[in-house]
Amino acid sequence: MTKKYRKFTQLLDDYLKDEKFAAEFLTQALEEEDFSTFLLSLKDIIRVHGSLKLIAEKCEISRSTLYNILSEKSNPEMKTILTLLRVLGYELKVSKKQPLSSAKRRVQSKPRLQRRKSKNLKGA
């Protein structure tokens, strides 16, 4: 008897159906400080919530505009992102960042240094 495995996107879609998980998913994407990661995460959530056509209609934008907004090289306006989030049932919040303790800063800085070294070795 063979085991059946699900594709990653199927598993992710199951998790993203949970609104709290989806909200945390978007929050984590923003914390990456890479806007393309956030847009990719938003695209995943839109996929779970329905078709791009339906979401575009609710946002009162064309489907092609929505595709362009969610492309890797796009730079959508904040108003558009807020509209998308509102239509999906989410909101964007800003909170004060908690300072890291000095012990946590040292632990987090080591992996970054290691990544830089490996990049330098890669290019040599």
PDB file of N, CA and C in Angstrom:
ATOM      1  N   MET A   1       0.847  -1.178   0.000  1.00  0.00           N
ATOM      2  CA  MET A   1       0.000   0.000   0.000  1.00  0.00           C
ATOM      3  C   MET A   1       0.893   1.243   0.000  1.00  0.00           C
ATOM      4  N   THR A   2       0.636   2.158  -0.915  1.00  0.00           N
ATOM      5  CA  THR A   2       1.444   3.372  -0.997  1.00  0.00           C
ATOM      6  C   THR A   2       0.787   4.496  -0.209  1.00  0.00           C
ATOM      7  N   LYS A   3       1.646   5.314   0.370  1.00  0.00           N
ATOM      8  CA  LYS A   3       1.152   6.473   1.104  1.00  0.00           C
ATOM      9  C   LYS A   3       0.854   7.588   0.119  1.00  0.00           C
ATOM     10  N   LYS A   4      -0.215   8.312   0.379  1.00  0.00           N
ATOM     11  CA  LYS A   4      -0.555   9.440  -0.473  1.00  0.00           C
ATOM     12  C   LYS A   4      -0.070  10.719   0.202  1.00  0.00           C
ATOM     13  N   TYR A   5       0.645  11.505  -0.561  1.00  0.00           N
ATOM     14  CA  TYR A   5       1.159  12.769  -0.058  1.00  0.00           C
ATOM     15  C   TYR A   5       0.461  13.909  -0.781  1.00  0.00           C
ATOM     16  N   ARG A   6       0.267  14.993  -0.043  1.00  0.00           N
ATOM     17  CA  ARG A   6      -0.333  16.169  -0.638  1.00  0.00           C
ATOM     18  C   ARG A   6       0.762  17.116  -1.089  1.00  0.00           C
ATOM     19  N   LYS A   7       0.441  17.896  -2.081  1.00  0.00           N
ATOM     20  CA  LYS A   7       1.364  18.924  -2.524  1.00  0.00           C
ATOM     21  C   LYS A   7       1.410  20.020  -1.462  1.00  0.00           C
ATOM     22  N   PHE A   8       2.511  20.763  -1.469  1.00  0.00           N
ATOM     23  CA  PHE A   8       2.675  21.833  -0.489  1.00  0.00           C
ATOM     24  C   PHE A   8       1.549  22.856  -0.588  1.00  0.00           C
ATOM     25  N   THR A   9       1.175  23.219  -1.816  1.00  0.00           N
ATOM     26  CA  THR A   9       0.115  24.230  -1.965  1.00  0.00           C
ATOM     27  C   THR A   9      -1.215  23.739  -1.408  1.00  0.00           C
ATOM     28  N   GLN A  10      -1.481  22.447  -1.516  1.00  0.00           N
ATOM     29  CA  GLN A  10      -2.712  21.904  -0.942  1.00  0.00           C
ATOM     30  C   GLN A  10      -2.691  22.013   0.576  1.00  0.00           C
ATOM     31  N   LEU A  11      -1.563  21.694   1.161  1.00  0.00           N
ATOM     32  CA  LEU A  11      -1.417  21.791   2.614  1.00  0.00           C
ATOM     33  C   LEU A  11      -1.522  23.249   3.067  1.00  0.00           C
ATOM     34  N   LEU A  12      -0.835  24.130   2.359  1.00  0.00           N
ATOM     35  CA  LEU A  12      -0.886  25.553   2.687  1.00  0.00           C
ATOM     36  C   LEU A  12      -2.311  26.086   2.578  1.00  0.00           C
ATOM     37  N   ASP A  13      -3.020  25.694   1.533  1.00  0.00           N
ATOM     38  CA  ASP A  13      -4.406  26.146   1.361  1.00  0.00           C
ATOM     39  C   ASP A  13      -5.278  25.710   2.532  1.00  0.00           C
ATOM     40  N   ASP A  14      -5.070  24.499   3.021  1.00  0.00           N
ATOM     41  CA  ASP A  14      -5.838  24.030   4.178  1.00  0.00           C
ATOM     42  C   ASP A  14      -5.580  24.910   5.403  1.00  0.00           C
ATOM     43  N   TYR A  15      -4.325  25.261   5.614  1.00  0.00           N
ATOM     44  CA  TYR A  15      -3.992  26.129   6.752  1.00  0.00           C
ATOM     45  C   TYR A  15      -4.534  27.538   6.559  1.00  0.00           C
ATOM     46  N   LEU A  16      -4.466  28.047   5.330  1.00  0.00           N
ATOM     47  CA  LEU A  16      -4.896  29.424   5.070  1.00  0.00           C
ATOM     48  C   LEU A  16      -6.410  29.607   5.152  1.00  0.00           C
ATOM     49  N   LYS A  17      -7.149  28.529   5.184  1.00  0.00           N
ATOM     50  CA  LYS A  17      -8.601  28.637   5.378  1.00  0.00           C
ATOM     51  C   LYS A  17      -8.933  29.117   6.786  1.00  0.00           C
ATOM     52  N   ASP A  18      -8.005  28.892   7.715  1.00  0.00           N
ATOM     53  CA  ASP A  18      -8.153  29.397   9.082  1.00  0.00           C
ATOM     54  C   ASP A  18      -7.764  30.879   9.074  1.00  0.00           C
ATOM     55  N   GLU A  19      -8.719  31.753   9.362  1.00  0.00           N
ATOM     56  CA  GLU A  19      -8.488  33.194   9.266  1.00  0.00           C
ATOM     57  C   GLU A  19      -7.378  33.686  10.193  1.00  0.00           C
ATOM     58  N   LYS A  20      -7.279  33.109  11.376  1.00  0.00           N
ATOM     59  CA  LYS A  20      -6.217  33.529  12.306  1.00  0.00           C
ATOM     60  C   LYS A  20      -4.846  33.135  11.758  1.00  0.00           C
ATOM     61  N   PHE A  21      -4.753  31.935  11.195  1.00  0.00           N
ATOM     62  CA  PHE A  21      -3.482  31.502  10.603  1.00  0.00           C
ATOM     63  C   PHE A  21      -3.132  32.410   9.424  1.00  0.00           C
ATOM     64  N   ALA A  22      -4.125  32.719   8.589  1.00  0.00           N
ATOM     65  CA  ALA A  22      -3.885  33.567   7.424  1.00  0.00           C
ATOM     66  C   ALA A  22      -3.404  34.958   7.837  1.00  0.00           C
ATOM     67  N   ALA A  23      -3.995  35.514   8.887  1.00  0.00           N
ATOM     68  CA  ALA A  23      -3.575  36.828   9.380  1.00  0.00           C
ATOM     69  C   ALA A  23      -2.130  36.774   9.878  1.00  0.00           C
ATOM     70  N   GLU A  24      -1.786  35.725  10.590  1.00  0.00           N
ATOM     71  CA  GLU A  24      -0.408  35.568  11.081  1.00  0.00           C
ATOM     72  C   GLU A  24       0.554  35.339   9.912  1.00  0.00           C
ATOM     73  N   PHE A  25       0.101  34.627   8.908  1.00  0.00           N
ATOM     74  CA  PHE A  25       0.886  34.371   7.696  1.00  0.00           C
ATOM     75  C   PHE A  25       1.262  35.688   7.025  1.00  0.00           C
ATOM     76  N   LEU A  26       0.289  36.595   6.899  1.00  0.00           N
ATOM     77  CA  LEU A  26       0.556  37.905   6.309  1.00  0.00           C
ATOM     78  C   LEU A  26       1.474  38.745   7.199  1.00  0.00           C
ATOM     79  N   THR A  27       1.258  38.668   8.506  1.00  0.00           N
ATOM     80  CA  THR A  27       2.093  39.415   9.446  1.00  0.00           C
ATOM     81  C   THR A  27       3.544  38.960   9.353  1.00  0.00           C
ATOM     82  N   GLN A  28       3.752  37.651   9.305  1.00  0.00           N
ATOM     83  CA  GLN A  28       5.112  37.114   9.183  1.00  0.00           C
ATOM     84  C   GLN A  28       5.753  37.550   7.865  1.00  0.00           C
ATOM     85  N   ALA A  29       4.955  37.591   6.811  1.00  0.00           N
ATOM     86  CA  ALA A  29       5.479  38.030   5.516  1.00  0.00           C
ATOM     87  C   ALA A  29       5.932  39.487   5.577  1.00  0.00           C
ATOM     88  N   LEU A  30       5.187  40.330   6.288  1.00  0.00           N
ATOM     89  CA  LEU A  30       5.597  41.727   6.447  1.00  0.00           C
ATOM     90  C   LEU A  30       6.866  41.848   7.277  1.00  0.00           C
ATOM     91  N   GLU A  31       7.007  40.982   8.260  1.00  0.00           N
ATOM     92  CA  GLU A  31       8.198  41.026   9.112  1.00  0.00           C
ATOM     93  C   GLU A  31       9.458  40.646   8.352  1.00  0.00           C
ATOM     94  N   GLU A  32       9.320  39.972   7.224  1.00  0.00           N
ATOM     95  CA  GLU A  32      10.475  39.619   6.392  1.00  0.00           C
ATOM     96  C   GLU A  32      11.105  40.860   5.757  1.00  0.00           C
ATOM     97  N   GLU A  33      10.357  41.960   5.752  1.00  0.00           N
ATOM     98  CA  GLU A  33      10.794  43.231   5.179  1.00  0.00           C
ATOM     99  C   GLU A  33      11.135  43.107   3.697  1.00  0.00           C
ATOM    100  N   ASP A  34      10.434  42.213   3.030  1.00  0.00           N
ATOM    101  CA  ASP A  34      10.559  42.044   1.587  1.00  0.00           C
ATOM    102  C   ASP A  34       9.138  42.104   1.035  1.00  0.00           C
ATOM    103  N   PHE A  35       8.808  43.193   0.365  1.00  0.00           N
ATOM    104  CA  PHE A  35       7.433  43.414  -0.056  1.00  0.00           C
ATOM    105  C   PHE A  35       6.949  42.342  -1.030  1.00  0.00           C
ATOM    106  N   SER A  36       7.847  41.798  -1.840  1.00  0.00           N
ATOM    107  CA  SER A  36       7.437  40.751  -2.775  1.00  0.00           C
ATOM    108  C   SER A  36       6.983  39.498  -2.024  1.00  0.00           C
ATOM    109  N   THR A  37       7.562  39.223  -0.863  1.00  0.00           N
ATOM    110  CA  THR A  37       7.131  38.096  -0.035  1.00  0.00           C
ATOM    111  C   THR A  37       5.709  38.340   0.462  1.00  0.00           C
ATOM    112  N   PHE A  38       5.434  39.567   0.873  1.00  0.00           N
ATOM    113  CA  PHE A  38       4.087  39.915   1.324  1.00  0.00           C
ATOM    114  C   PHE A  38       3.081  39.745   0.194  1.00  0.00           C
ATOM    115  N   LEU A  39       3.417  40.230  -0.997  1.00  0.00           N
ATOM    116  CA  LEU A  39       2.505  40.112  -2.132  1.00  0.00           C
ATOM    117  C   LEU A  39       2.255  38.655  -2.502  1.00  0.00           C
ATOM    118  N   LEU A  40       3.285  37.836  -2.430  1.00  0.00           N
ATOM    119  CA  LEU A  40       3.137  36.407  -2.709  1.00  0.00           C
ATOM    120  C   LEU A  40       2.215  35.760  -1.682  1.00  0.00           C
ATOM    121  N   SER A  41       2.361  36.136  -0.424  1.00  0.00           N
ATOM    122  CA  SER A  41       1.497  35.614   0.640  1.00  0.00           C
ATOM    123  C   SER A  41       0.051  36.070   0.437  1.00  0.00           C
ATOM    124  N   LEU A  42      -0.110  37.316   0.040  1.00  0.00           N
ATOM    125  CA  LEU A  42      -1.440  37.847  -0.230  1.00  0.00           C
ATOM    126  C   LEU A  42      -2.082  37.096  -1.397  1.00  0.00           C
ATOM    127  N   LYS A  43      -1.291  36.787  -2.396  1.00  0.00           N
ATOM    128  CA  LYS A  43      -1.784  36.020  -3.545  1.00  0.00           C
ATOM    129  C   LYS A  43      -2.257  34.630  -3.109  1.00  0.00           C
ATOM    130  N   ASP A  44      -1.516  33.998  -2.199  1.00  0.00           N
ATOM    131  CA  ASP A  44      -1.926  32.692  -1.674  1.00  0.00           C
ATOM    132  C   ASP A  44      -3.265  32.786  -0.952  1.00  0.00           C
ATOM    133  N   ILE A  45      -3.441  33.828  -0.183  1.00  0.00           N
ATOM    134  CA  ILE A  45      -4.694  33.997   0.564  1.00  0.00           C
ATOM    135  C   ILE A  45      -5.857  34.283  -0.385  1.00  0.00           C
ATOM    136  N   ILE A  46      -5.612  35.074  -1.416  1.00  0.00           N
ATOM    137  CA  ILE A  46      -6.656  35.338  -2.412  1.00  0.00           C
ATOM    138  C   ILE A  46      -7.062  34.034  -3.090  1.00  0.00           C
ATOM    139  N   ARG A  47      -6.104  33.180  -3.384  1.00  0.00           N
ATOM    140  CA  ARG A  47      -6.393  31.887  -4.016  1.00  0.00           C
ATOM    141  C   ARG A  47      -7.355  31.057  -3.164  1.00  0.00           C
ATOM    142  N   VAL A  48      -7.185  31.117  -1.854  1.00  0.00           N
ATOM    143  CA  VAL A  48      -8.028  30.348  -0.943  1.00  0.00           C
ATOM    144  C   VAL A  48      -9.415  30.979  -0.804  1.00  0.00           C
ATOM    145  N   HIS A  49      -9.476  32.300  -0.840  1.00  0.00           N
ATOM    146  CA  HIS A  49     -10.749  33.002  -0.634  1.00  0.00           C
ATOM    147  C   HIS A  49     -11.654  33.016  -1.866  1.00  0.00           C
ATOM    148  N   GLY A  50     -11.148  32.637  -2.984  1.00  0.00           N
ATOM    149  CA  GLY A  50     -11.967  32.660  -4.194  1.00  0.00           C
ATOM    150  C   GLY A  50     -11.128  33.035  -5.391  1.00  0.00           C
ATOM    151  N   SER A  51     -11.785  33.306  -6.457  1.00  0.00           N
ATOM    152  CA  SER A  51     -11.083  33.607  -7.704  1.00  0.00           C
ATOM    153  C   SER A  51     -10.561  35.039  -7.718  1.00  0.00           C
ATOM    154  N   LEU A  52      -9.527  35.245  -8.512  1.00  0.00           N
ATOM    155  CA  LEU A  52      -9.003  36.594  -8.676  1.00  0.00           C
ATOM    156  C   LEU A  52     -10.060  37.494  -9.303  1.00  0.00           C
ATOM    157  N   LYS A  53     -10.864  36.934 -10.181  1.00  0.00           N
ATOM    158  CA  LYS A  53     -11.921  37.721 -10.831  1.00  0.00           C
ATOM    159  C   LYS A  53     -12.909  38.253  -9.796  1.00  0.00           C
ATOM    160  N   LEU A  54     -13.328  37.397  -8.880  1.00  0.00           N
ATOM    161  CA  LEU A  54     -14.286  37.799  -7.843  1.00  0.00           C
ATOM    162  C   LEU A  54     -13.695  38.866  -6.924  1.00  0.00           C
ATOM    163  N   ILE A  55     -12.460  38.674  -6.510  1.00  0.00           N
ATOM    164  CA  ILE A  55     -11.797  39.650  -5.632  1.00  0.00           C
ATOM    165  C   ILE A  55     -11.624  40.973  -6.364  1.00  0.00           C
ATOM    166  N   ALA A  56     -11.236  40.917  -7.646  1.00  0.00           N
ATOM    167  CA  ALA A  56     -11.058  42.145  -8.437  1.00  0.00           C
ATOM    168  C   ALA A  56     -12.375  42.914  -8.535  1.00  0.00           C
ATOM    169  N   GLU A  57     -13.474  42.190  -8.744  1.00  0.00           N
ATOM    170  CA  GLU A  57     -14.779  42.846  -8.828  1.00  0.00           C
ATOM    171  C   GLU A  57     -15.126  43.527  -7.509  1.00  0.00           C
ATOM    172  N   LYS A  58     -14.881  42.860  -6.404  1.00  0.00           N
ATOM    173  CA  LYS A  58     -15.186  43.448  -5.100  1.00  0.00           C
ATOM    174  C   LYS A  58     -14.318  44.674  -4.815  1.00  0.00           C
ATOM    175  N   CYS A  59     -13.085  44.670  -5.335  1.00  0.00           N
ATOM    176  CA  CYS A  59     -12.174  45.810  -5.142  1.00  0.00           C
ATOM    177  C   CYS A  59     -12.429  46.913  -6.171  1.00  0.00           C
ATOM    178  N   GLU A  60     -13.295  46.604  -7.141  1.00  0.00           N
ATOM    179  CA  GLU A  60     -13.606  47.530  -8.226  1.00  0.00           C
ATOM    180  C   GLU A  60     -12.383  47.876  -9.063  1.00  0.00           C
ATOM    181  N   ILE A  61     -11.597  46.836  -9.358  1.00  0.00           N
ATOM    182  CA  ILE A  61     -10.464  46.972 -10.269  1.00  0.00           C
ATOM    183  C   ILE A  61     -10.564  45.838 -11.294  1.00  0.00           C
ATOM    184  N   SER A  62      -9.859  45.975 -12.386  1.00  0.00           N
ATOM    185  CA  SER A  62      -9.913  44.927 -13.406  1.00  0.00           C
ATOM    186  C   SER A  62      -9.079  43.720 -12.958  1.00  0.00           C
ATOM    187  N   ARG A  63      -9.399  42.581 -13.526  1.00  0.00           N
ATOM    188  CA  ARG A  63      -8.664  41.362 -13.187  1.00  0.00           C
ATOM    189  C   ARG A  63      -7.197  41.488 -13.590  1.00  0.00           C
ATOM    190  N   SER A  64      -6.948  42.098 -14.754  1.00  0.00           N
ATOM    191  CA  SER A  64      -5.561  42.261 -15.201  1.00  0.00           C
ATOM    192  C   SER A  64      -4.780  43.181 -14.259  1.00  0.00           C
ATOM    193  N   THR A  65      -5.461  44.193 -13.722  1.00  0.00           N
ATOM    194  CA  THR A  65      -4.799  45.068 -12.749  1.00  0.00           C
ATOM    195  C   THR A  65      -4.429  44.284 -11.498  1.00  0.00           C
ATOM    196  N   LEU A  66      -5.331  43.413 -11.054  1.00  0.00           N
ATOM    197  CA  LEU A  66      -5.041  42.599  -9.874  1.00  0.00           C
ATOM    198  C   LEU A  66      -3.871  41.663 -10.145  1.00  0.00           C
ATOM    199  N   TYR A  67      -3.829  41.065 -11.334  1.00  0.00           N
ATOM    200  CA  TYR A  67      -2.685  40.222 -11.695  1.00  0.00           C
ATOM    201  C   TYR A  67      -1.393  41.026 -11.639  1.00  0.00           C
ATOM    202  N   ASN A  68      -1.429  42.244 -12.171  1.00  0.00           N
ATOM    203  CA  ASN A  68      -0.239  43.099 -12.161  1.00  0.00           C
ATOM    204  C   ASN A  68       0.179  43.468 -10.739  1.00  0.00           C
ATOM    205  N   ILE A  69      -0.804  43.740  -9.893  1.00  0.00           N
ATOM    206  CA  ILE A  69      -0.517  44.094  -8.499  1.00  0.00           C
ATOM    207  C   ILE A  69       0.216  42.955  -7.798  1.00  0.00           C
ATOM    208  N   LEU A  70      -0.174  41.733  -8.101  1.00  0.00           N
ATOM    209  CA  LEU A  70       0.385  40.567  -7.416  1.00  0.00           C
ATOM    210  C   LEU A  70       1.609  39.980  -8.112  1.00  0.00           C
ATOM    211  N   SER A  71       2.089  40.647  -9.144  1.00  0.00           N
ATOM    212  CA  SER A  71       3.292  40.155  -9.815  1.00  0.00           C
ATOM    213  C   SER A  71       4.523  40.517  -8.993  1.00  0.00           C
ATOM    214  N   GLU A  72       5.619  39.833  -9.269  1.00  0.00           N
ATOM    215  CA  GLU A  72       6.848  40.009  -8.477  1.00  0.00           C
ATOM    216  C   GLU A  72       7.398  41.425  -8.520  1.00  0.00           C
ATOM    217  N   LYS A  73       7.318  42.065  -9.656  1.00  0.00           N
ATOM    218  CA  LYS A  73       7.967  43.364  -9.818  1.00  0.00           C
ATOM    219  C   LYS A  73       7.029  44.545  -9.597  1.00  0.00           C
ATOM    220  N   SER A  74       5.844  44.282  -9.104  1.00  0.00           N
ATOM    221  CA  SER A  74       4.892  45.380  -8.929  1.00  0.00           C
ATOM    222  C   SER A  74       5.219  46.203  -7.685  1.00  0.00           C
ATOM    223  N   ASN A  75       4.680  47.378  -7.671  1.00  0.00           N
ATOM    224  CA  ASN A  75       4.828  48.273  -6.525  1.00  0.00           C
ATOM    225  C   ASN A  75       3.487  48.979  -6.315  1.00  0.00           C
ATOM    226  N   PRO A  76       2.486  48.224  -5.822  1.00  0.00           N
ATOM    227  CA  PRO A  76       1.144  48.802  -5.705  1.00  0.00           C
ATOM    228  C   PRO A  76       1.079  49.894  -4.641  1.00  0.00           C
ATOM    229  N   GLU A  77       0.094  50.762  -4.804  1.00  0.00           N
ATOM    230  CA  GLU A  77      -0.135  51.815  -3.825  1.00  0.00           C
ATOM    231  C   GLU A  77      -0.680  51.214  -2.538  1.00  0.00           C
ATOM    232  N   MET A  78      -0.421  51.881  -1.451  1.00  0.00           N
ATOM    233  CA  MET A  78      -0.900  51.422  -0.146  1.00  0.00           C
ATOM    234  C   MET A  78      -2.423  51.349  -0.128  1.00  0.00           C
ATOM    235  N   LYS A  79      -3.071  52.289  -0.766  1.00  0.00           N
ATOM    236  CA  LYS A  79      -4.532  52.308  -0.822  1.00  0.00           C
ATOM    237  C   LYS A  79      -5.058  51.013  -1.453  1.00  0.00           C
ATOM    238  N   THR A  80      -4.397  50.543  -2.493  1.00  0.00           N
ATOM    239  CA  THR A  80      -4.814  49.314  -3.174  1.00  0.00           C
ATOM    240  C   THR A  80      -4.640  48.110  -2.257  1.00  0.00           C
ATOM    241  N   ILE A  81      -3.520  48.051  -1.550  1.00  0.00           N
ATOM    242  CA  ILE A  81      -3.271  46.947  -0.619  1.00  0.00           C
ATOM    243  C   ILE A  81      -4.312  46.954   0.492  1.00  0.00           C
ATOM    244  N   LEU A  82      -4.603  48.134   1.031  1.00  0.00           N
ATOM    245  CA  LEU A  82      -5.612  48.243   2.091  1.00  0.00           C
ATOM    246  C   LEU A  82      -6.990  47.823   1.597  1.00  0.00           C
ATOM    247  N   THR A  83      -7.314  48.161   0.354  1.00  0.00           N
ATOM    248  CA  THR A  83      -8.594  47.747  -0.225  1.00  0.00           C
ATOM    249  C   THR A  83      -8.653  46.232  -0.354  1.00  0.00           C
ATOM    250  N   LEU A  84      -7.577  45.630  -0.856  1.00  0.00           N
ATOM    251  CA  LEU A  84      -7.519  44.164  -0.965  1.00  0.00           C
ATOM    252  C   LEU A  84      -7.694  43.500   0.393  1.00  0.00           C
ATOM    253  N   LEU A  85      -6.981  43.997   1.386  1.00  0.00           N
ATOM    254  CA  LEU A  85      -7.078  43.419   2.725  1.00  0.00           C
ATOM    255  C   LEU A  85      -8.492  43.559   3.281  1.00  0.00           C
ATOM    256  N   ARG A  86      -9.109  44.723   3.071  1.00  0.00           N
ATOM    257  CA  ARG A  86     -10.478  44.958   3.562  1.00  0.00           C
ATOM    258  C   ARG A  86     -11.462  43.995   2.907  1.00  0.00           C
ATOM    259  N   VAL A  87     -11.352  43.826   1.593  1.00  0.00           N
ATOM    260  CA  VAL A  87     -12.243  42.920   0.868  1.00  0.00           C
ATOM    261  C   VAL A  87     -12.071  41.486   1.356  1.00  0.00           C
ATOM    262  N   LEU A  88     -10.843  41.117   1.693  1.00  0.00           N
ATOM    263  CA  LEU A  88     -10.570  39.765   2.186  1.00  0.00           C
ATOM    264  C   LEU A  88     -10.962  39.588   3.653  1.00  0.00           C
ATOM    265  N   GLY A  89     -11.266  40.701   4.338  1.00  0.00           N
ATOM    266  CA  GLY A  89     -11.687  40.622   5.734  1.00  0.00           C
ATOM    267  C   GLY A  89     -10.554  40.830   6.729  1.00  0.00           C
ATOM    268  N   TYR A  90      -9.470  41.469   6.289  1.00  0.00           N
ATOM    269  CA  TYR A  90      -8.316  41.719   7.160  1.00  0.00           C
ATOM    270  C   TYR A  90      -8.058  43.212   7.248  1.00  0.00           C
ATOM    271  N   GLU A  91      -7.239  43.593   8.200  1.00  0.00           N
ATOM    272  CA  GLU A  91      -6.831  44.975   8.324  1.00  0.00           C
ATOM    273  C   GLU A  91      -5.348  45.023   8.645  1.00  0.00           C
ATOM    274  N   LEU A  92      -4.732  46.126   8.282  1.00  0.00           N
ATOM    275  CA  LEU A  92      -3.318  46.313   8.538  1.00  0.00           C
ATOM    276  C   LEU A  92      -3.169  47.146   9.802  1.00  0.00           C
ATOM    277  N   LYS A  93      -2.360  46.670  10.728  1.00  0.00           N
ATOM    278  CA  LYS A  93      -2.134  47.399  11.977  1.00  0.00           C
ATOM    279  C   LYS A  93      -0.646  47.649  12.162  1.00  0.00           C
ATOM    280  N   VAL A  94      -0.352  48.730  12.838  1.00  0.00           N
ATOM    281  CA  VAL A  94       1.026  49.069  13.175  1.00  0.00           C
ATOM    282  C   VAL A  94       1.151  48.992  14.685  1.00  0.00           C
ATOM    283  N   SER A  95       2.225  48.372  15.154  1.00  0.00           N
ATOM    284  CA  SER A  95       2.451  48.289  16.595  1.00  0.00           C
ATOM    285  C   SER A  95       3.910  48.614  16.896  1.00  0.00           C
ATOM    286  N   LYS A  96       4.151  49.003  18.114  1.00  0.00           N
ATOM    287  CA  LYS A  96       5.499  49.328  18.559  1.00  0.00           C
ATOM    288  C   LYS A  96       6.316  48.048  18.640  1.00  0.00           C
ATOM    289  N   LYS A  97       7.483  48.064  18.039  1.00  0.00           N
ATOM    290  CA  LYS A  97       8.360  46.907  18.046  1.00  0.00           C
ATOM    291  C   LYS A  97       9.019  46.773  19.417  1.00  0.00           C
ATOM    292  N   GLN A  98       9.018  45.566  19.937  1.00  0.00           N
ATOM    293  CA  GLN A  98       9.638  45.306  21.234  1.00  0.00           C
ATOM    294  C   GLN A  98      11.147  45.203  21.065  1.00  0.00           C
ATOM    295  N   PRO A  99      11.919  45.900  21.897  1.00  0.00           N
ATOM    296  CA  PRO A  99      13.381  45.792  21.779  1.00  0.00           C
ATOM    297  C   PRO A  99      13.842  44.395  22.172  1.00  0.00           C
ATOM    298  N   LEU A 100      14.838  43.912  21.461  1.00  0.00           N
ATOM    299  CA  LEU A 100      15.410  42.605  21.771  1.00  0.00           C
ATOM    300  C   LEU A 100      16.378  42.738  22.933  1.00  0.00           C
ATOM    301  N   SER A 101      16.445  41.712  23.748  1.00  0.00           N
ATOM    302  CA  SER A 101      17.454  41.710  24.803  1.00  0.00           C
ATOM    303  C   SER A 101      18.817  41.530  24.147  1.00  0.00           C
ATOM    304  N   SER A 102      19.891  41.903  24.828  1.00  0.00           N
ATOM    305  CA  SER A 102      21.227  41.813  24.236  1.00  0.00           C
ATOM    306  C   SER A 102      21.589  40.368  23.899  1.00  0.00           C
ATOM    307  N   ALA A 103      21.122  39.401  24.677  1.00  0.00           N
ATOM    308  CA  ALA A 103      21.407  37.992  24.396  1.00  0.00           C
ATOM    309  C   ALA A 103      20.742  37.559  23.092  1.00  0.00           C
ATOM    310  N   LYS A 104      19.508  37.997  22.873  1.00  0.00           N
ATOM    311  CA  LYS A 104      18.807  37.640  21.639  1.00  0.00           C
ATOM    312  C   LYS A 104      19.458  38.300  20.442  1.00  0.00           C
ATOM    313  N   ARG A 105      19.933  39.546  20.599  1.00  0.00           N
ATOM    314  CA  ARG A 105      20.595  40.238  19.496  1.00  0.00           C
ATOM    315  C   ARG A 105      21.837  39.490  19.053  1.00  0.00           C
ATOM    316  N   ARG A 106      22.627  38.994  20.016  1.00  0.00           N
ATOM    317  CA  ARG A 106      23.842  38.258  19.663  1.00  0.00           C
ATOM    318  C   ARG A 106      23.507  36.977  18.926  1.00  0.00           C
ATOM    319  N   VAL A 107      22.497  36.264  19.373  1.00  0.00           N
ATOM    320  CA  VAL A 107      22.113  35.008  18.739  1.00  0.00           C
ATOM    321  C   VAL A 107      21.611  35.280  17.325  1.00  0.00           C
ATOM    322  N   GLN A 108      20.819  36.324  17.134  1.00  0.00           N
ATOM    323  CA  GLN A 108      20.290  36.613  15.808  1.00  0.00           C
ATOM    324  C   GLN A 108      21.361  37.154  14.869  1.00  0.00           C
ATOM    325  N   SER A 109      22.363  37.821  15.394  1.00  0.00           N
ATOM    326  CA  SER A 109      23.366  38.393  14.506  1.00  0.00           C
ATOM    327  C   SER A 109      24.313  37.343  13.945  1.00  0.00           C
ATOM    328  N   LYS A 110      24.539  36.244  14.648  1.00  0.00           N
ATOM    329  CA  LYS A 110      25.459  35.226  14.154  1.00  0.00           C
ATOM    330  C   LYS A 110      25.024  34.602  12.837  1.00  0.00           C
ATOM    331  N   PRO A 111      23.770  34.175  12.680  1.00  0.00           N
ATOM    332  CA  PRO A 111      23.388  33.595  11.391  1.00  0.00           C
ATOM    333  C   PRO A 111      23.526  34.577  10.234  1.00  0.00           C
ATOM    334  N   ARG A 112      23.254  35.852  10.492  1.00  0.00           N
ATOM    335  CA  ARG A 112      23.403  36.837   9.425  1.00  0.00           C
ATOM    336  C   ARG A 112      24.854  36.942   8.981  1.00  0.00           C
ATOM    337  N   LEU A 113      25.784  36.917   9.931  1.00  0.00           N
ATOM    338  CA  LEU A 113      27.196  36.975   9.582  1.00  0.00           C
ATOM    339  C   LEU A 113      27.597  35.741   8.788  1.00  0.00           C
ATOM    340  N   GLN A 114      27.100  34.598   9.174  1.00  0.00           N
ATOM    341  CA  GLN A 114      27.418  33.372   8.460  1.00  0.00           C
ATOM    342  C   GLN A 114      26.895  33.433   7.034  1.00  0.00           C
ATOM    343  N   ARG A 115      25.705  33.985   6.829  1.00  0.00           N
ATOM    344  CA  ARG A 115      25.155  34.092   5.482  1.00  0.00           C
ATOM    345  C   ARG A 115      26.016  35.008   4.633  1.00  0.00           C
ATOM    346  N   ARG A 116      26.464  36.101   5.202  1.00  0.00           N
ATOM    347  CA  ARG A 116      27.310  37.019   4.438  1.00  0.00           C
ATOM    348  C   ARG A 116      28.613  36.345   4.024  1.00  0.00           C
ATOM    349  N   LYS A 117      29.199  35.584   4.928  1.00  0.00           N
ATOM    350  CA  LYS A 117      30.440  34.904   4.603  1.00  0.00           C
ATOM    351  C   LYS A 117      30.217  33.898   3.487  1.00  0.00           C
ATOM    352  N   SER A 118      29.129  33.157   3.546  1.00  0.00           N
ATOM    353  CA  SER A 118      28.876  32.147   2.524  1.00  0.00           C
ATOM    354  C   SER A 118      28.623  32.802   1.177  1.00  0.00           C
ATOM    355  N   LYS A 119      28.009  33.984   1.149  1.00  0.00           N
ATOM    356  CA  LYS A 119      27.795  34.680  -0.103  1.00  0.00           C
ATOM    357  C   LYS A 119      29.142  35.119  -0.693  1.00  0.00           C
ATOM    358  N   ASN A 120      30.032  35.603   0.192  1.00  0.00           N
ATOM    359  CA  ASN A 120      31.342  36.031  -0.282  1.00  0.00           C
ATOM    360  C   ASN A 120      32.131  34.846  -0.848  1.00  0.00           C
ATOM    361  N   LEU A 121      32.028  33.713  -0.215  1.00  0.00           N
ATOM    362  CA  LEU A 121      32.728  32.533  -0.702  1.00  0.00           C
ATOM    363  C   LEU A 121      32.139  32.061  -2.023  1.00  0.00           C
ATOM    364  N   LYS A 122      30.844  32.230  -2.158  1.00  0.00           N
ATOM    365  CA  LYS A 122      30.160  31.789  -3.362  1.00  0.00           C
ATOM    366  C   LYS A 122      30.647  32.576  -4.579  1.00  0.00           C
ATOM    367  N   GLY A 123      30.828  33.882  -4.398  1.00  0.00           N
ATOM    368  CA  GLY A 123      31.240  34.727  -5.498  1.00  0.00           C
ATOM    369  C   GLY A 123      32.707  34.590  -5.844  1.00  0.00           C
ATOM    370  N   ALA A 124      33.535  34.036  -4.951  1.00  0.00           N
ATOM    371  CA  ALA A 124      34.989  33.950  -5.196  1.00  0.00           C
ATOM    372  C   ALA A 124      35.349  32.799  -6.087  1.00  0.00           C
TER     373      ALA A 124
END
